[in-house]
């Protein structure tokens, strides 16, 4: 999430925890059926998950990230989801974790839904 906040251009993405009330209202789903490596994006009335969500996020970023979003959308979703699940399942081993959560500014806090 911190990566997204650093690189997005339009600042239009909002964030909701899977166990929050906004998530249930938007999706009609509960968190009990969601794998921990999941990511979801609601865009223009449609819900995207896994690599589809990443593509939407990348397209909201600038520079090379936006290009990468458009480029990867050319590949079949099953192919991209395969690699997404490998990366998501190993992200902490490969990229590490942070010792503390970021303290959002009031402007950022407004983008975090309940």
N, C-alpha and C. Protein backbone atom coordinates (compact mmCIF):
# COMPACT_ATOMS: atom_id res chain seq x y z
N UNK A 1 0.82 -1.17 0.00
CA UNK A 1 0.00 0.00 0.00
C UNK A 1 0.88 1.26 0.00
N UNK A 2 1.96 1.23 0.74
CA UNK A 2 2.85 2.40 0.76
C UNK A 2 3.45 2.65 -0.61
N UNK A 3 3.74 1.59 -1.33
CA UNK A 3 4.26 1.72 -2.70
C UNK A 3 3.23 2.44 -3.58
N UNK A 4 1.99 2.03 -3.46
CA UNK A 4 0.92 2.66 -4.25
C UNK A 4 0.81 4.13 -3.90
N UNK A 5 0.80 4.45 -2.63
CA UNK A 5 0.67 5.85 -2.20
C UNK A 5 1.83 6.70 -2.70
N UNK A 6 3.02 6.12 -2.79
CA UNK A 6 4.18 6.88 -3.27
C UNK A 6 4.14 7.14 -4.77
N UNK A 7 3.53 6.23 -5.54
CA UNK A 7 3.65 6.29 -6.99
C UNK A 7 2.38 6.66 -7.75
N UNK A 8 1.23 6.66 -7.11
CA UNK A 8 0.02 6.99 -7.86
C UNK A 8 0.01 8.48 -8.21
N UNK A 9 -0.58 8.80 -9.34
CA UNK A 9 -0.56 10.17 -9.86
C UNK A 9 -1.85 10.91 -9.52
N UNK A 10 -2.97 10.27 -9.76
CA UNK A 10 -4.25 10.96 -9.61
C UNK A 10 -4.80 10.96 -8.19
N UNK A 11 -4.25 10.16 -7.31
CA UNK A 11 -4.69 10.08 -5.91
C UNK A 11 -6.19 9.79 -5.81
N UNK A 12 -6.66 8.85 -6.62
CA UNK A 12 -8.07 8.48 -6.65
C UNK A 12 -8.35 7.15 -5.96
N UNK A 13 -7.33 6.41 -5.60
CA UNK A 13 -7.54 5.10 -5.00
C UNK A 13 -7.85 5.25 -3.51
N UNK A 14 -8.85 4.50 -3.05
CA UNK A 14 -9.18 4.42 -1.64
C UNK A 14 -8.90 3.01 -1.17
N UNK A 15 -8.74 2.84 0.12
CA UNK A 15 -8.35 1.55 0.68
C UNK A 15 -9.35 1.13 1.75
N UNK A 16 -9.74 -0.15 1.72
CA UNK A 16 -10.67 -0.69 2.71
C UNK A 16 -10.16 -2.04 3.19
N UNK A 17 -10.12 -2.26 4.50
CA UNK A 17 -9.71 -3.58 4.99
C UNK A 17 -10.78 -4.62 4.67
N UNK A 18 -10.34 -5.83 4.42
CA UNK A 18 -11.26 -6.90 4.06
C UNK A 18 -12.21 -7.22 5.21
N UNK A 19 -11.84 -6.92 6.44
CA UNK A 19 -12.73 -7.18 7.57
C UNK A 19 -13.54 -5.95 7.96
N UNK A 20 -13.55 -4.90 7.14
CA UNK A 20 -14.28 -3.68 7.47
C UNK A 20 -15.69 -3.65 6.89
N UNK A 21 -16.48 -2.70 7.36
CA UNK A 21 -17.86 -2.60 6.90
C UNK A 21 -17.94 -2.11 5.46
N UNK A 22 -17.02 -1.25 5.03
CA UNK A 22 -17.04 -0.77 3.64
C UNK A 22 -16.85 -1.92 2.67
N UNK A 23 -15.96 -2.83 3.01
CA UNK A 23 -15.71 -4.00 2.16
C UNK A 23 -16.99 -4.80 1.97
N UNK A 24 -17.68 -5.09 3.06
CA UNK A 24 -18.92 -5.87 2.97
C UNK A 24 -19.98 -5.15 2.16
N UNK A 25 -20.09 -3.83 2.33
CA UNK A 25 -21.07 -3.05 1.58
C UNK A 25 -20.76 -3.04 0.08
N UNK A 26 -19.49 -2.89 -0.27
CA UNK A 26 -19.09 -2.80 -1.67
C UNK A 26 -19.23 -4.15 -2.37
N UNK A 27 -18.83 -5.21 -1.70
CA UNK A 27 -18.74 -6.52 -2.36
C UNK A 27 -19.86 -7.49 -2.02
N UNK A 28 -20.47 -7.32 -0.86
CA UNK A 28 -21.44 -8.30 -0.40
C UNK A 28 -20.80 -9.58 0.08
N UNK A 29 -19.48 -9.56 0.28
CA UNK A 29 -18.74 -10.75 0.71
C UNK A 29 -18.22 -10.54 2.13
N UNK A 30 -17.95 -11.66 2.79
CA UNK A 30 -17.30 -11.59 4.10
C UNK A 30 -15.84 -11.98 3.93
N UNK A 31 -15.03 -11.63 4.91
CA UNK A 31 -13.60 -11.92 4.80
C UNK A 31 -13.27 -13.38 5.04
N UNK A 32 -14.20 -14.19 5.51
CA UNK A 32 -13.89 -15.58 5.85
C UNK A 32 -13.58 -16.43 4.62
N UNK A 33 -13.97 -15.97 3.44
CA UNK A 33 -13.74 -16.76 2.23
C UNK A 33 -12.61 -16.21 1.37
N UNK A 34 -11.86 -15.26 1.89
CA UNK A 34 -10.85 -14.56 1.10
C UNK A 34 -9.45 -15.09 1.45
N UNK A 35 -8.69 -15.59 0.46
CA UNK A 35 -7.31 -16.01 0.74
C UNK A 35 -6.46 -14.80 1.16
N UNK A 36 -5.49 -15.00 2.05
CA UNK A 36 -4.71 -13.87 2.58
C UNK A 36 -3.87 -13.13 1.54
N UNK A 37 -3.56 -13.76 0.42
CA UNK A 37 -2.74 -13.09 -0.60
C UNK A 37 -3.58 -12.28 -1.59
N UNK A 38 -4.85 -12.13 -1.29
CA UNK A 38 -5.77 -11.46 -2.22
C UNK A 38 -5.64 -9.94 -2.21
N UNK A 39 -5.94 -9.36 -3.36
CA UNK A 39 -6.07 -7.92 -3.51
C UNK A 39 -7.26 -7.69 -4.43
N UNK A 40 -8.03 -6.67 -4.10
CA UNK A 40 -9.23 -6.36 -4.87
C UNK A 40 -9.26 -4.88 -5.20
N UNK A 41 -9.83 -4.55 -6.36
CA UNK A 41 -10.04 -3.16 -6.75
C UNK A 41 -11.44 -3.07 -7.35
N UNK A 42 -12.22 -2.11 -6.84
CA UNK A 42 -13.52 -1.81 -7.43
C UNK A 42 -13.31 -0.60 -8.33
N UNK A 43 -13.65 -0.75 -9.60
CA UNK A 43 -13.45 0.33 -10.57
C UNK A 43 -14.63 0.37 -11.54
N UNK A 44 -15.28 1.51 -11.59
CA UNK A 44 -16.40 1.72 -12.51
C UNK A 44 -17.46 0.62 -12.40
N UNK A 45 -17.78 0.26 -11.16
CA UNK A 45 -18.83 -0.72 -10.92
C UNK A 45 -18.43 -2.16 -11.10
N UNK A 46 -17.17 -2.44 -11.37
CA UNK A 46 -16.70 -3.80 -11.57
C UNK A 46 -15.62 -4.12 -10.54
N UNK A 47 -15.62 -5.37 -10.06
CA UNK A 47 -14.64 -5.80 -9.07
C UNK A 47 -13.54 -6.60 -9.75
N UNK A 48 -12.30 -6.23 -9.48
CA UNK A 48 -11.13 -6.93 -10.03
C UNK A 48 -10.36 -7.54 -8.87
N UNK A 49 -9.77 -8.71 -9.11
CA UNK A 49 -8.94 -9.33 -8.09
C UNK A 49 -7.65 -9.86 -8.70
N UNK A 50 -6.70 -10.16 -7.84
CA UNK A 50 -5.39 -10.66 -8.24
C UNK A 50 -4.75 -9.77 -9.30
N UNK A 51 -4.32 -10.33 -10.41
CA UNK A 51 -3.60 -9.54 -11.41
C UNK A 51 -4.48 -8.46 -12.03
N UNK A 52 -5.78 -8.70 -12.12
CA UNK A 52 -6.68 -7.68 -12.65
C UNK A 52 -6.66 -6.44 -11.79
N UNK A 53 -6.62 -6.63 -10.47
CA UNK A 53 -6.54 -5.50 -9.54
C UNK A 53 -5.21 -4.77 -9.68
N UNK A 54 -4.13 -5.52 -9.82
CA UNK A 54 -2.81 -4.91 -9.98
C UNK A 54 -2.75 -4.07 -11.25
N UNK A 55 -3.35 -4.56 -12.32
CA UNK A 55 -3.36 -3.81 -13.59
C UNK A 55 -4.08 -2.48 -13.41
N UNK A 56 -5.23 -2.48 -12.74
CA UNK A 56 -5.96 -1.23 -12.50
C UNK A 56 -5.12 -0.28 -11.66
N UNK A 57 -4.46 -0.79 -10.64
CA UNK A 57 -3.61 0.05 -9.79
C UNK A 57 -2.46 0.63 -10.60
N UNK A 58 -1.78 -0.19 -11.39
CA UNK A 58 -0.66 0.30 -12.20
C UNK A 58 -1.11 1.38 -13.18
N UNK A 59 -2.28 1.23 -13.74
CA UNK A 59 -2.78 2.23 -14.68
C UNK A 59 -3.10 3.56 -14.00
N UNK A 60 -3.23 3.56 -12.67
CA UNK A 60 -3.46 4.78 -11.90
C UNK A 60 -2.15 5.42 -11.45
N UNK A 61 -1.05 4.82 -11.79
CA UNK A 61 0.25 5.36 -11.42
C UNK A 61 0.85 6.10 -12.61
N UNK A 62 1.99 6.68 -12.39
CA UNK A 62 2.64 7.43 -13.46
C UNK A 62 3.82 6.69 -14.05
N UNK A 63 4.37 7.26 -15.09
CA UNK A 63 5.60 6.79 -15.70
C UNK A 63 5.58 5.35 -16.14
N UNK A 64 6.66 4.66 -15.79
CA UNK A 64 6.85 3.28 -16.23
C UNK A 64 5.77 2.36 -15.66
N UNK A 65 5.23 2.68 -14.49
CA UNK A 65 4.21 1.84 -13.87
C UNK A 65 2.93 1.83 -14.71
N UNK A 66 2.54 2.99 -15.22
CA UNK A 66 1.35 3.06 -16.08
C UNK A 66 1.57 2.24 -17.35
N UNK A 67 2.76 2.39 -17.94
CA UNK A 67 3.09 1.60 -19.13
C UNK A 67 3.02 0.11 -18.82
N UNK A 68 3.59 -0.29 -17.68
CA UNK A 68 3.57 -1.69 -17.28
C UNK A 68 2.14 -2.20 -17.13
N UNK A 69 1.24 -1.38 -16.60
CA UNK A 69 -0.16 -1.76 -16.47
C UNK A 69 -0.81 -2.02 -17.82
N UNK A 70 -0.56 -1.13 -18.78
CA UNK A 70 -1.12 -1.32 -20.12
C UNK A 70 -0.49 -2.53 -20.81
N UNK A 71 0.81 -2.70 -20.64
CA UNK A 71 1.51 -3.82 -21.27
C UNK A 71 1.03 -5.16 -20.72
N UNK A 72 0.95 -5.28 -19.40
CA UNK A 72 0.55 -6.56 -18.82
C UNK A 72 -0.91 -6.90 -19.12
N UNK A 73 -1.73 -5.91 -19.40
CA UNK A 73 -3.13 -6.20 -19.72
C UNK A 73 -3.28 -6.94 -21.05
N UNK A 74 -2.20 -7.03 -21.82
CA UNK A 74 -2.23 -7.76 -23.09
C UNK A 74 -2.15 -9.27 -22.90
N UNK A 75 -1.71 -9.71 -21.71
CA UNK A 75 -1.53 -11.14 -21.44
C UNK A 75 -2.80 -11.75 -20.87
N UNK A 76 -2.99 -13.06 -21.06
CA UNK A 76 -4.18 -13.72 -20.49
C UNK A 76 -4.16 -13.65 -18.97
N UNK A 77 -5.33 -13.49 -18.39
CA UNK A 77 -5.45 -13.32 -16.94
C UNK A 77 -4.96 -14.55 -16.18
N UNK A 78 -5.24 -15.76 -16.66
CA UNK A 78 -4.79 -16.96 -15.95
C UNK A 78 -3.27 -17.00 -15.86
N UNK A 79 -2.59 -16.52 -16.89
CA UNK A 79 -1.13 -16.47 -16.91
C UNK A 79 -0.62 -15.47 -15.88
N UNK A 80 -1.21 -14.28 -15.86
CA UNK A 80 -0.81 -13.24 -14.91
C UNK A 80 -1.15 -13.64 -13.47
N UNK A 81 -2.32 -14.27 -13.27
CA UNK A 81 -2.70 -14.69 -11.92
C UNK A 81 -1.74 -15.73 -11.36
N UNK A 82 -1.23 -16.60 -12.21
CA UNK A 82 -0.25 -17.60 -11.78
C UNK A 82 0.96 -16.90 -11.16
N UNK A 83 1.51 -15.90 -11.85
CA UNK A 83 2.67 -15.18 -11.33
C UNK A 83 2.31 -14.29 -10.15
N UNK A 84 1.11 -13.72 -10.17
CA UNK A 84 0.67 -12.91 -9.03
C UNK A 84 0.70 -13.74 -7.75
N UNK A 85 0.15 -14.95 -7.80
CA UNK A 85 0.06 -15.78 -6.61
C UNK A 85 1.44 -16.21 -6.11
N UNK A 86 2.39 -16.42 -7.01
CA UNK A 86 3.75 -16.74 -6.59
C UNK A 86 4.38 -15.55 -5.87
N UNK A 87 4.26 -14.38 -6.47
CA UNK A 87 4.84 -13.17 -5.88
C UNK A 87 4.16 -12.84 -4.55
N UNK A 88 2.83 -12.88 -4.53
CA UNK A 88 2.08 -12.55 -3.31
C UNK A 88 2.40 -13.52 -2.18
N UNK A 89 2.56 -14.78 -2.49
CA UNK A 89 2.85 -15.78 -1.48
C UNK A 89 4.26 -15.67 -0.90
N UNK A 90 5.15 -15.04 -1.63
CA UNK A 90 6.55 -14.92 -1.19
C UNK A 90 6.98 -13.49 -0.91
N UNK A 91 6.05 -12.54 -0.93
CA UNK A 91 6.43 -11.12 -0.86
C UNK A 91 7.21 -10.77 0.40
N UNK A 92 6.85 -11.32 1.55
CA UNK A 92 7.56 -10.97 2.78
C UNK A 92 8.96 -11.56 2.79
N UNK A 93 9.12 -12.76 2.26
CA UNK A 93 10.45 -13.38 2.19
C UNK A 93 11.35 -12.63 1.22
N UNK A 94 10.78 -12.16 0.11
CA UNK A 94 11.59 -11.50 -0.91
C UNK A 94 11.81 -10.01 -0.64
N UNK A 95 10.78 -9.33 -0.15
CA UNK A 95 10.85 -7.87 -0.02
C UNK A 95 10.90 -7.39 1.42
N UNK A 96 10.69 -8.30 2.38
CA UNK A 96 10.73 -7.92 3.79
C UNK A 96 9.44 -7.27 4.26
N UNK A 97 9.44 -6.89 5.52
CA UNK A 97 8.30 -6.21 6.12
C UNK A 97 8.78 -4.94 6.79
N UNK A 98 7.85 -4.09 7.15
CA UNK A 98 8.21 -2.87 7.87
C UNK A 98 8.03 -3.12 9.36
N UNK A 99 8.82 -2.42 10.16
CA UNK A 99 8.73 -2.57 11.61
C UNK A 99 7.54 -1.82 12.20
N UNK A 100 7.09 -0.79 11.50
CA UNK A 100 5.98 0.02 12.01
C UNK A 100 5.10 0.46 10.85
N UNK A 101 3.85 0.68 11.16
CA UNK A 101 2.92 1.17 10.15
C UNK A 101 3.14 2.66 9.92
N UNK A 102 2.84 3.09 8.72
CA UNK A 102 2.95 4.50 8.37
C UNK A 102 1.85 5.28 9.09
N UNK A 103 2.15 6.49 9.48
CA UNK A 103 1.15 7.38 10.08
C UNK A 103 0.62 8.28 8.97
N UNK A 104 -0.61 8.06 8.53
CA UNK A 104 -1.13 8.84 7.40
C UNK A 104 -1.46 10.27 7.80
N UNK A 105 -1.29 11.16 6.85
CA UNK A 105 -1.69 12.55 7.03
C UNK A 105 -3.22 12.59 7.04
N UNK A 106 -3.83 13.69 7.48
CA UNK A 106 -5.30 13.78 7.42
C UNK A 106 -5.85 13.57 6.01
N UNK A 107 -5.16 14.06 4.99
CA UNK A 107 -5.62 13.87 3.61
C UNK A 107 -5.60 12.39 3.23
N UNK A 108 -4.55 11.68 3.63
CA UNK A 108 -4.48 10.24 3.34
C UNK A 108 -5.50 9.47 4.17
N UNK A 109 -5.67 9.87 5.41
CA UNK A 109 -6.60 9.18 6.30
C UNK A 109 -8.02 9.16 5.72
N UNK A 110 -8.39 10.20 5.01
CA UNK A 110 -9.72 10.28 4.40
C UNK A 110 -9.91 9.22 3.31
N UNK A 111 -8.82 8.69 2.78
CA UNK A 111 -8.88 7.68 1.72
C UNK A 111 -8.93 6.26 2.26
N UNK A 112 -8.82 6.10 3.57
CA UNK A 112 -8.91 4.79 4.21
C UNK A 112 -10.34 4.60 4.71
N UNK A 113 -11.05 3.67 4.11
CA UNK A 113 -12.44 3.42 4.46
C UNK A 113 -12.52 2.45 5.62
N UNK A 114 -13.65 2.44 6.31
CA UNK A 114 -13.86 1.53 7.45
C UNK A 114 -14.24 0.16 6.94
